[in-house]
């Protein structure tokens, strides 16, 4: 189990996805949410409504500068795991089985995933194995799956 779990949203532009991720974070015991400067505002009305008010329950802050602040997370003892479809990604089950005491999960933008500047700074790349010819889940769904698997 993670003593400290952070969820980081990189450039999520859709307020409903930010709200849904906050709702999952609250429901599944995520300790805090970090959002990049270009991420949609969690206090935007649509984000609040979709989150069912959990944006006021889960501690959160903007992390800036990004992605340079990844080094701060690492210095604090966090394993920084990025959710990505990259070829060198490990399955989420494998990450969860490792039981890291401090884990920071990074989720990318809805269409393009993690930025080219963020990718090389990650400690590990993680994917959710898919079936039925589906290549990925949207960021709100994938964050819920990852929070559950690593709780």
C-alpha atoms as a PDB file:
ATOM      1  CA  UNK A   1       0.000   0.000   0.000  1.00  0.00           C
ATOM      2  CA  UNK A   2       1.089   3.566  -0.585  1.00  0.00           C
ATOM      3  CA  UNK A   3       1.587   5.715   2.492  1.00  0.00           C
ATOM      4  CA  UNK A   4       1.470   8.753   0.265  1.00  0.00           C
ATOM      5  CA  UNK A   5      -0.139   8.764  -3.131  1.00  0.00           C
ATOM      6  CA  UNK A   6      -0.166  11.829  -5.326  1.00  0.00           C
ATOM      7  CA  UNK A   7      -2.019  12.192  -8.533  1.00  0.00           C
ATOM      8  CA  UNK A   8      -0.740  14.646 -11.061  1.00  0.00           C
ATOM      9  CA  UNK A   9      -2.710  15.988 -13.998  1.00  0.00           C
ATOM     10  CA  UNK A  10      -0.621  17.351 -16.863  1.00  0.00           C
ATOM     11  CA  UNK A  11      -2.453  19.806 -19.132  1.00  0.00           C
ATOM     12  CA  UNK A  12      -5.934  18.279 -18.779  1.00  0.00           C
ATOM     13  CA  UNK A  13      -8.053  20.784 -20.659  1.00  0.00           C
ATOM     14  CA  UNK A  14     -11.552  19.408 -20.100  1.00  0.00           C
ATOM     15  CA  UNK A  15     -13.081  20.525 -16.784  1.00  0.00           C
ATOM     16  CA  UNK A  16     -15.336  17.445 -16.676  1.00  0.00           C
ATOM     17  CA  UNK A  17     -12.285  15.150 -16.799  1.00  0.00           C
ATOM     18  CA  UNK A  18     -10.612  17.124 -14.005  1.00  0.00           C
ATOM     19  CA  UNK A  19     -13.791  16.868 -11.921  1.00  0.00           C
ATOM     20  CA  UNK A  20     -14.171  13.145 -12.584  1.00  0.00           C
ATOM     21  CA  UNK A  21     -10.548  12.509 -11.628  1.00  0.00           C
ATOM     22  CA  UNK A  22     -11.035  14.416  -8.366  1.00  0.00           C
ATOM     23  CA  UNK A  23     -14.136  12.372  -7.595  1.00  0.00           C
ATOM     24  CA  UNK A  24     -12.174   9.150  -8.130  1.00  0.00           C
ATOM     25  CA  UNK A  25      -9.263  10.512  -6.085  1.00  0.00           C
ATOM     26  CA  UNK A  26     -11.575  11.220  -3.156  1.00  0.00           C
ATOM     27  CA  UNK A  27     -13.395   7.902  -3.414  1.00  0.00           C
ATOM     28  CA  UNK A  28     -10.201   5.850  -3.637  1.00  0.00           C
ATOM     29  CA  UNK A  29      -8.123   7.606  -0.990  1.00  0.00           C
ATOM     30  CA  UNK A  30      -5.582   9.588  -3.010  1.00  0.00           C
ATOM     31  CA  UNK A  31      -3.665  11.860  -0.628  1.00  0.00           C
ATOM     32  CA  UNK A  32      -3.346  14.893  -2.918  1.00  0.00           C
ATOM     33  CA  UNK A  33      -3.759  16.087  -6.492  1.00  0.00           C
ATOM     34  CA  UNK A  34      -1.185  18.219  -8.286  1.00  0.00           C
ATOM     35  CA  UNK A  35      -2.164  20.077 -11.440  1.00  0.00           C
ATOM     36  CA  UNK A  36       0.116  21.803 -13.939  1.00  0.00           C
ATOM     37  CA  UNK A  37      -0.244  25.483 -14.791  1.00  0.00           C
ATOM     38  CA  UNK A  38      -1.977  24.617 -18.101  1.00  0.00           C
ATOM     39  CA  UNK A  39      -4.483  22.195 -16.547  1.00  0.00           C
ATOM     40  CA  UNK A  40      -8.164  23.177 -16.357  1.00  0.00           C
ATOM     41  CA  UNK A  41      -9.109  24.893 -13.105  1.00  0.00           C
ATOM     42  CA  UNK A  42     -10.479  22.416 -10.528  1.00  0.00           C
ATOM     43  CA  UNK A  43     -12.574  25.308  -9.163  1.00  0.00           C
ATOM     44  CA  UNK A  44     -14.294  25.861 -12.499  1.00  0.00           C
ATOM     45  CA  UNK A  45     -18.037  25.321 -12.058  1.00  0.00           C
ATOM     46  CA  UNK A  46     -18.179  22.252 -14.322  1.00  0.00           C
ATOM     47  CA  UNK A  47     -15.211  20.645 -12.510  1.00  0.00           C
ATOM     48  CA  UNK A  48     -16.866  21.191  -9.140  1.00  0.00           C
ATOM     49  CA  UNK A  49     -20.203  19.792 -10.331  1.00  0.00           C
ATOM     50  CA  UNK A  50     -18.697  16.667 -11.930  1.00  0.00           C
ATOM     51  CA  UNK A  51     -16.519  16.090  -8.861  1.00  0.00           C
ATOM     52  CA  UNK A  52     -19.631  16.283  -6.648  1.00  0.00           C
ATOM     53  CA  UNK A  53     -17.759  18.825  -4.538  1.00  0.00           C
ATOM     54  CA  UNK A  54     -14.736  16.619  -3.865  1.00  0.00           C
ATOM     55  CA  UNK A  55     -12.425  19.345  -5.209  1.00  0.00           C
ATOM     56  CA  UNK A  56     -13.028  20.880  -1.771  1.00  0.00           C
ATOM     57  CA  UNK A  57     -12.238  17.604  -0.004  1.00  0.00           C
ATOM     58  CA  UNK A  58      -9.012  16.382  -1.650  1.00  0.00           C
ATOM     59  CA  UNK A  59      -5.938  18.534  -0.984  1.00  0.00           C
ATOM     60  CA  UNK A  60      -4.593  19.964  -4.245  1.00  0.00           C
ATOM     61  CA  UNK A  61      -2.244  22.585  -5.612  1.00  0.00           C
ATOM     62  CA  UNK A  62      -0.716  23.737  -8.858  1.00  0.00           C
ATOM     63  CA  UNK A  63       2.837  22.499  -9.339  1.00  0.00           C
ATOM     64  CA  UNK A  64       5.060  24.935 -11.191  1.00  0.00           C
ATOM     65  CA  UNK A  65       7.383  24.846 -13.046  1.00  0.00           C
ATOM     66  CA  UNK A  66       6.398  21.684 -14.851  1.00  0.00           C
ATOM     67  CA  UNK A  67       7.940  19.264 -15.654  1.00  0.00           C
ATOM     68  CA  UNK A  68      11.015  20.471 -13.746  1.00  0.00           C
ATOM     69  CA  UNK A  69       9.117  19.941 -10.479  1.00  0.00           C
ATOM     70  CA  UNK A  70       9.323  16.189 -11.036  1.00  0.00           C
ATOM     71  CA  UNK A  71      12.784  16.483  -9.482  1.00  0.00           C
ATOM     72  CA  UNK A  72      11.171  17.846  -6.287  1.00  0.00           C
ATOM     73  CA  UNK A  73       8.896  14.802  -6.111  1.00  0.00           C
ATOM     74  CA  UNK A  74      11.857  12.484  -6.566  1.00  0.00           C
ATOM     75  CA  UNK A  75      13.869  14.343  -3.921  1.00  0.00           C
ATOM     76  CA  UNK A  76      10.948  13.853  -1.518  1.00  0.00           C
ATOM     77  CA  UNK A  77      11.198  10.091  -2.104  1.00  0.00           C
ATOM     78  CA  UNK A  78       8.382   9.589  -4.608  1.00  0.00           C
ATOM     79  CA  UNK A  79       8.518   7.103  -7.427  1.00  0.00           C
ATOM     80  CA  UNK A  80       7.153   9.069 -10.399  1.00  0.00           C
ATOM     81  CA  UNK A  81       5.084   6.803 -12.654  1.00  0.00           C
ATOM     82  CA  UNK A  82       3.605   8.110 -15.885  1.00  0.00           C
ATOM     83  CA  UNK A  83       0.545   6.559 -17.468  1.00  0.00           C
ATOM     84  CA  UNK A  84       1.486   6.130 -21.125  1.00  0.00           C
ATOM     85  CA  UNK A  85       1.127   3.745 -24.042  1.00  0.00           C
ATOM     86  CA  UNK A  86       4.887   3.761 -24.726  1.00  0.00           C
ATOM     87  CA  UNK A  87       6.560   0.523 -25.756  1.00  0.00           C
ATOM     88  CA  UNK A  88       8.631   0.355 -22.573  1.00  0.00           C
ATOM     89  CA  UNK A  89       5.552   0.664 -20.316  1.00  0.00           C
ATOM     90  CA  UNK A  90       4.949  -1.977 -17.662  1.00  0.00           C
ATOM     91  CA  UNK A  91       1.449  -3.250 -16.882  1.00  0.00           C
ATOM     92  CA  UNK A  92      -0.354  -1.457 -14.042  1.00  0.00           C
ATOM     93  CA  UNK A  93      -0.618  -4.756 -12.128  1.00  0.00           C
ATOM     94  CA  UNK A  94       3.183  -4.964 -12.065  1.00  0.00           C
ATOM     95  CA  UNK A  95       3.493  -1.457 -10.598  1.00  0.00           C
ATOM     96  CA  UNK A  96       0.809  -2.200  -8.004  1.00  0.00           C
ATOM     97  CA  UNK A  97       2.539  -5.431  -6.933  1.00  0.00           C
ATOM     98  CA  UNK A  98       5.716  -3.486  -6.128  1.00  0.00           C
ATOM     99  CA  UNK A  99       4.007  -1.561  -3.285  1.00  0.00           C
ATOM    100  CA  UNK A 100       5.987   1.687  -3.374  1.00  0.00           C
ATOM    101  CA  UNK A 101       5.752   3.652  -0.097  1.00  0.00           C
ATOM    102  CA  UNK A 102       5.502   6.956  -1.992  1.00  0.00           C
ATOM    103  CA  UNK A 103       3.968   6.990  -5.446  1.00  0.00           C
ATOM    104  CA  UNK A 104       3.177   9.897  -7.762  1.00  0.00           C
ATOM    105  CA  UNK A 105       1.034   8.990 -10.782  1.00  0.00           C
ATOM    106  CA  UNK A 106       1.197  11.334 -13.765  1.00  0.00           C
ATOM    107  CA  UNK A 107      -1.660  11.519 -16.283  1.00  0.00           C
ATOM    108  CA  UNK A 108      -1.359  13.321 -19.598  1.00  0.00           C
ATOM    109  CA  UNK A 109      -3.671  15.389 -21.702  1.00  0.00           C
ATOM    110  CA  UNK A 110      -6.797  13.852 -23.194  1.00  0.00           C
ATOM    111  CA  UNK A 111      -5.593  13.521 -26.771  1.00  0.00           C
ATOM    112  CA  UNK A 112      -1.821  13.511 -26.759  1.00  0.00           C
ATOM    113  CA  UNK A 113      -0.876  11.929 -23.450  1.00  0.00           C
ATOM    114  CA  UNK A 114       2.266  12.982 -21.621  1.00  0.00           C
ATOM    115  CA  UNK A 115       4.458  15.708 -23.073  1.00  0.00           C
ATOM    116  CA  UNK A 116       7.803  14.976 -24.703  1.00  0.00           C
ATOM    117  CA  UNK A 117       9.489  16.929 -21.886  1.00  0.00           C
ATOM    118  CA  UNK A 118       7.792  14.873 -19.152  1.00  0.00           C
ATOM    119  CA  UNK A 119       8.414  11.378 -20.569  1.00  0.00           C
ATOM    120  CA  UNK A 120      12.206  11.251 -20.031  1.00  0.00           C
ATOM    121  CA  UNK A 121      11.878  12.473 -16.424  1.00  0.00           C
ATOM    122  CA  UNK A 122       9.682   9.565 -15.302  1.00  0.00           C
ATOM    123  CA  UNK A 123      11.009   6.760 -13.124  1.00  0.00           C
ATOM    124  CA  UNK A 124       8.662   4.262 -14.761  1.00  0.00           C
ATOM    125  CA  UNK A 125       6.069   4.198 -17.548  1.00  0.00           C
ATOM    126  CA  UNK A 126       2.835   2.338 -16.893  1.00  0.00           C
ATOM    127  CA  UNK A 127      -0.041   1.144 -19.056  1.00  0.00           C
ATOM    128  CA  UNK A 128      -3.423  -0.401 -18.425  1.00  0.00           C
ATOM    129  CA  UNK A 129      -3.627  -3.566 -20.546  1.00  0.00           C
ATOM    130  CA  UNK A 130      -6.561  -3.361 -22.995  1.00  0.00           C
ATOM    131  CA  UNK A 131      -8.690  -5.987 -24.675  1.00  0.00           C
ATOM    132  CA  UNK A 132     -11.182  -6.026 -27.533  1.00  0.00           C
ATOM    133  CA  UNK A 133      -9.135  -3.866 -29.869  1.00  0.00           C
ATOM    134  CA  UNK A 134      -9.411  -0.813 -27.590  1.00  0.00           C
ATOM    135  CA  UNK A 135      -6.128   1.098 -27.376  1.00  0.00           C
ATOM    136  CA  UNK A 136      -6.806   3.210 -24.275  1.00  0.00           C
ATOM    137  CA  UNK A 137      -9.292   4.645 -21.796  1.00  0.00           C
ATOM    138  CA  UNK A 138      -9.999   8.327 -21.378  1.00  0.00           C
ATOM    139  CA  UNK A 139      -8.057  10.087 -18.631  1.00  0.00           C
ATOM    140  CA  UNK A 140     -10.932  10.090 -16.123  1.00  0.00           C
ATOM    141  CA  UNK A 141     -11.475   6.342 -16.482  1.00  0.00           C
ATOM    142  CA  UNK A 142      -7.768   5.496 -16.496  1.00  0.00           C
ATOM    143  CA  UNK A 143      -7.156   7.550 -13.365  1.00  0.00           C
ATOM    144  CA  UNK A 144      -9.934   5.660 -11.541  1.00  0.00           C
ATOM    145  CA  UNK A 145      -8.451   2.322 -12.572  1.00  0.00           C
ATOM    146  CA  UNK A 146      -4.933   3.380 -11.536  1.00  0.00           C
ATOM    147  CA  UNK A 147      -6.111   4.778  -8.187  1.00  0.00           C
ATOM    148  CA  UNK A 148      -7.940   1.557  -7.423  1.00  0.00           C
ATOM    149  CA  UNK A 149      -5.043  -0.671  -8.424  1.00  0.00           C
ATOM    150  CA  UNK A 150      -2.491   1.274  -6.358  1.00  0.00           C
ATOM    151  CA  UNK A 151      -4.594   2.076  -3.290  1.00  0.00           C
END
